[in-house]
């Protein structure tokens, strides 16, 4: 006994799902970028200032569903984590940890819109 199943409109359904996936991916990228901006803003607000170079160098880079927040200042790690001669003055890690709810909300809202 042979059974045959035909689904009418499968190509249309696949096209709709592809568009939905593209929309979700765009939302994730937009949300991750917004979340990164939240972290950058707080990191700059919390960053200790001597010359202002460290604060000015804090930036974000977005690639797909990943946002990297950081700085290219060679002494940034010493400020964040301290040294045996200098106490830590964290500004990046707290900027992330203090904004977890806002980050999740930014990504969630971007996906919805």
C-alpha atoms as a PDB file:
ATOM      1  CA  UNK A   1       0.000   0.000   0.000  1.00  0.00           C
ATOM      2  CA  UNK A   2       1.405   3.393  -1.024  1.00  0.00           C
ATOM      3  CA  UNK A   3       0.495   6.666   0.651  1.00  0.00           C
ATOM      4  CA  UNK A   4       1.170   9.968  -1.015  1.00  0.00           C
ATOM      5  CA  UNK A   5       0.950  13.340   0.700  1.00  0.00           C
ATOM      6  CA  UNK A   6       0.922  16.609  -1.169  1.00  0.00           C
ATOM      7  CA  UNK A   7       1.217  19.944   0.586  1.00  0.00           C
ATOM      8  CA  UNK A   8      -0.178  22.799  -1.439  1.00  0.00           C
ATOM      9  CA  UNK A   9       1.483  26.134  -0.851  1.00  0.00           C
ATOM     10  CA  UNK A  10       4.657  24.725   0.728  1.00  0.00           C
ATOM     11  CA  UNK A  11       6.818  27.095  -1.316  1.00  0.00           C
ATOM     12  CA  UNK A  12       4.790  30.025  -0.044  1.00  0.00           C
ATOM     13  CA  UNK A  13       5.131  28.832   3.566  1.00  0.00           C
ATOM     14  CA  UNK A  14       8.891  28.447   3.147  1.00  0.00           C
ATOM     15  CA  UNK A  15       9.102  31.970   1.731  1.00  0.00           C
ATOM     16  CA  UNK A  16       7.155  33.362   4.680  1.00  0.00           C
ATOM     17  CA  UNK A  17       9.396  31.524   7.146  1.00  0.00           C
ATOM     18  CA  UNK A  18      12.508  32.835   5.378  1.00  0.00           C
ATOM     19  CA  UNK A  19      11.186  36.408   5.636  1.00  0.00           C
ATOM     20  CA  UNK A  20      10.356  35.870   9.300  1.00  0.00           C
ATOM     21  CA  UNK A  21      13.870  34.561   9.998  1.00  0.00           C
ATOM     22  CA  UNK A  22      15.400  37.546   8.212  1.00  0.00           C
ATOM     23  CA  UNK A  23      13.232  39.918  10.228  1.00  0.00           C
ATOM     24  CA  UNK A  24      14.204  38.208  13.493  1.00  0.00           C
ATOM     25  CA  UNK A  25      17.911  38.358  12.584  1.00  0.00           C
ATOM     26  CA  UNK A  26      17.641  42.072  11.778  1.00  0.00           C
ATOM     27  CA  UNK A  27      15.848  42.631  15.095  1.00  0.00           C
ATOM     28  CA  UNK A  28      18.537  40.766  17.005  1.00  0.00           C
ATOM     29  CA  UNK A  29      21.291  42.812  15.355  1.00  0.00           C
ATOM     30  CA  UNK A  30      19.422  46.054  16.074  1.00  0.00           C
ATOM     31  CA  UNK A  31      18.747  45.007  19.681  1.00  0.00           C
ATOM     32  CA  UNK A  32      22.323  43.926  20.291  1.00  0.00           C
ATOM     33  CA  UNK A  33      23.523  47.285  18.960  1.00  0.00           C
ATOM     34  CA  UNK A  34      21.113  49.151  21.266  1.00  0.00           C
ATOM     35  CA  UNK A  35      22.211  46.990  24.197  1.00  0.00           C
ATOM     36  CA  UNK A  36      25.841  47.750  23.412  1.00  0.00           C
ATOM     37  CA  UNK A  37      25.086  51.457  23.414  1.00  0.00           C
ATOM     38  CA  UNK A  38      23.571  51.120  26.901  1.00  0.00           C
ATOM     39  CA  UNK A  39      26.796  49.531  28.138  1.00  0.00           C
ATOM     40  CA  UNK A  40      29.002  52.098  26.371  1.00  0.00           C
ATOM     41  CA  UNK A  41      27.027  54.980  27.888  1.00  0.00           C
ATOM     42  CA  UNK A  42      27.303  53.636  31.434  1.00  0.00           C
ATOM     43  CA  UNK A  43      30.948  52.641  31.033  1.00  0.00           C
ATOM     44  CA  UNK A  44      31.778  56.187  29.938  1.00  0.00           C
ATOM     45  CA  UNK A  45      29.811  57.601  32.868  1.00  0.00           C
ATOM     46  CA  UNK A  46      31.670  55.336  35.339  1.00  0.00           C
ATOM     47  CA  UNK A  47      35.120  55.614  33.773  1.00  0.00           C
ATOM     48  CA  UNK A  48      37.688  57.418  35.904  1.00  0.00           C
ATOM     49  CA  UNK A  49      39.099  60.443  34.107  1.00  0.00           C
ATOM     50  CA  UNK A  50      42.628  61.770  34.131  1.00  0.00           C
ATOM     51  CA  UNK A  51      43.259  62.895  30.562  1.00  0.00           C
ATOM     52  CA  UNK A  52      39.942  61.717  29.113  1.00  0.00           C
ATOM     53  CA  UNK A  53      41.619  59.397  26.598  1.00  0.00           C
ATOM     54  CA  UNK A  54      40.270  56.224  28.194  1.00  0.00           C
ATOM     55  CA  UNK A  55      36.708  57.515  28.345  1.00  0.00           C
ATOM     56  CA  UNK A  56      36.826  58.755  24.755  1.00  0.00           C
ATOM     57  CA  UNK A  57      38.143  55.410  23.527  1.00  0.00           C
ATOM     58  CA  UNK A  58      35.255  53.281  24.866  1.00  0.00           C
ATOM     59  CA  UNK A  59      33.310  51.969  21.882  1.00  0.00           C
ATOM     60  CA  UNK A  60      31.225  49.108  20.558  1.00  0.00           C
ATOM     61  CA  UNK A  61      31.525  46.872  17.537  1.00  0.00           C
ATOM     62  CA  UNK A  62      28.524  44.894  16.308  1.00  0.00           C
ATOM     63  CA  UNK A  63      28.779  41.811  14.141  1.00  0.00           C
ATOM     64  CA  UNK A  64      25.553  39.869  13.650  1.00  0.00           C
ATOM     65  CA  UNK A  65      24.265  38.852  17.045  1.00  0.00           C
ATOM     66  CA  UNK A  66      27.430  39.878  18.912  1.00  0.00           C
ATOM     67  CA  UNK A  67      28.369  43.251  20.340  1.00  0.00           C
ATOM     68  CA  UNK A  68      31.815  43.855  21.770  1.00  0.00           C
ATOM     69  CA  UNK A  69      32.263  46.824  24.085  1.00  0.00           C
ATOM     70  CA  UNK A  70      35.775  47.851  24.925  1.00  0.00           C
ATOM     71  CA  UNK A  71      38.669  50.184  24.362  1.00  0.00           C
ATOM     72  CA  UNK A  72      41.982  50.143  22.607  1.00  0.00           C
ATOM     73  CA  UNK A  73      43.818  52.020  25.382  1.00  0.00           C
ATOM     74  CA  UNK A  74      46.784  49.961  26.465  1.00  0.00           C
ATOM     75  CA  UNK A  75      46.230  50.803  30.141  1.00  0.00           C
ATOM     76  CA  UNK A  76      42.487  50.064  30.219  1.00  0.00           C
ATOM     77  CA  UNK A  77      42.954  46.671  31.862  1.00  0.00           C
ATOM     78  CA  UNK A  78      45.085  48.175  34.611  1.00  0.00           C
ATOM     79  CA  UNK A  79      42.347  50.680  35.404  1.00  0.00           C
ATOM     80  CA  UNK A  80      39.581  48.051  35.286  1.00  0.00           C
ATOM     81  CA  UNK A  81      41.346  45.363  37.320  1.00  0.00           C
ATOM     82  CA  UNK A  82      44.046  47.273  39.173  1.00  0.00           C
ATOM     83  CA  UNK A  83      47.701  46.430  39.741  1.00  0.00           C
ATOM     84  CA  UNK A  84      49.754  45.678  42.817  1.00  0.00           C
ATOM     85  CA  UNK A  85      50.396  49.441  43.044  1.00  0.00           C
ATOM     86  CA  UNK A  86      46.938  50.703  42.102  1.00  0.00           C
ATOM     87  CA  UNK A  87      43.442  49.742  43.208  1.00  0.00           C
ATOM     88  CA  UNK A  88      40.963  48.586  40.577  1.00  0.00           C
ATOM     89  CA  UNK A  89      38.543  51.194  39.250  1.00  0.00           C
ATOM     90  CA  UNK A  90      36.066  49.016  37.355  1.00  0.00           C
ATOM     91  CA  UNK A  91      33.919  50.715  34.749  1.00  0.00           C
ATOM     92  CA  UNK A  92      33.289  48.104  31.996  1.00  0.00           C
ATOM     93  CA  UNK A  93      32.156  45.054  33.978  1.00  0.00           C
ATOM     94  CA  UNK A  94      29.789  47.081  36.204  1.00  0.00           C
ATOM     95  CA  UNK A  95      28.343  48.759  33.096  1.00  0.00           C
ATOM     96  CA  UNK A  96      27.361  45.315  31.842  1.00  0.00           C
ATOM     97  CA  UNK A  97      26.205  43.809  35.125  1.00  0.00           C
ATOM     98  CA  UNK A  98      24.163  46.862  36.181  1.00  0.00           C
ATOM     99  CA  UNK A  99      22.206  46.802  32.927  1.00  0.00           C
ATOM    100  CA  UNK A 100      21.284  43.160  32.392  1.00  0.00           C
ATOM    101  CA  UNK A 101      17.531  43.896  32.496  1.00  0.00           C
ATOM    102  CA  UNK A 102      17.873  46.851  30.115  1.00  0.00           C
ATOM    103  CA  UNK A 103      19.994  44.779  27.741  1.00  0.00           C
ATOM    104  CA  UNK A 104      17.487  41.932  27.658  1.00  0.00           C
ATOM    105  CA  UNK A 105      14.662  44.437  27.187  1.00  0.00           C
ATOM    106  CA  UNK A 106      16.438  46.207  24.318  1.00  0.00           C
ATOM    107  CA  UNK A 107      16.988  42.959  22.429  1.00  0.00           C
ATOM    108  CA  UNK A 108      13.471  41.696  23.152  1.00  0.00           C
ATOM    109  CA  UNK A 109      11.815  44.923  21.996  1.00  0.00           C
ATOM    110  CA  UNK A 110      13.939  45.103  18.855  1.00  0.00           C
ATOM    111  CA  UNK A 111      12.917  41.573  17.895  1.00  0.00           C
ATOM    112  CA  UNK A 112       9.241  42.406  18.466  1.00  0.00           C
ATOM    113  CA  UNK A 113       9.317  45.511  16.276  1.00  0.00           C
END
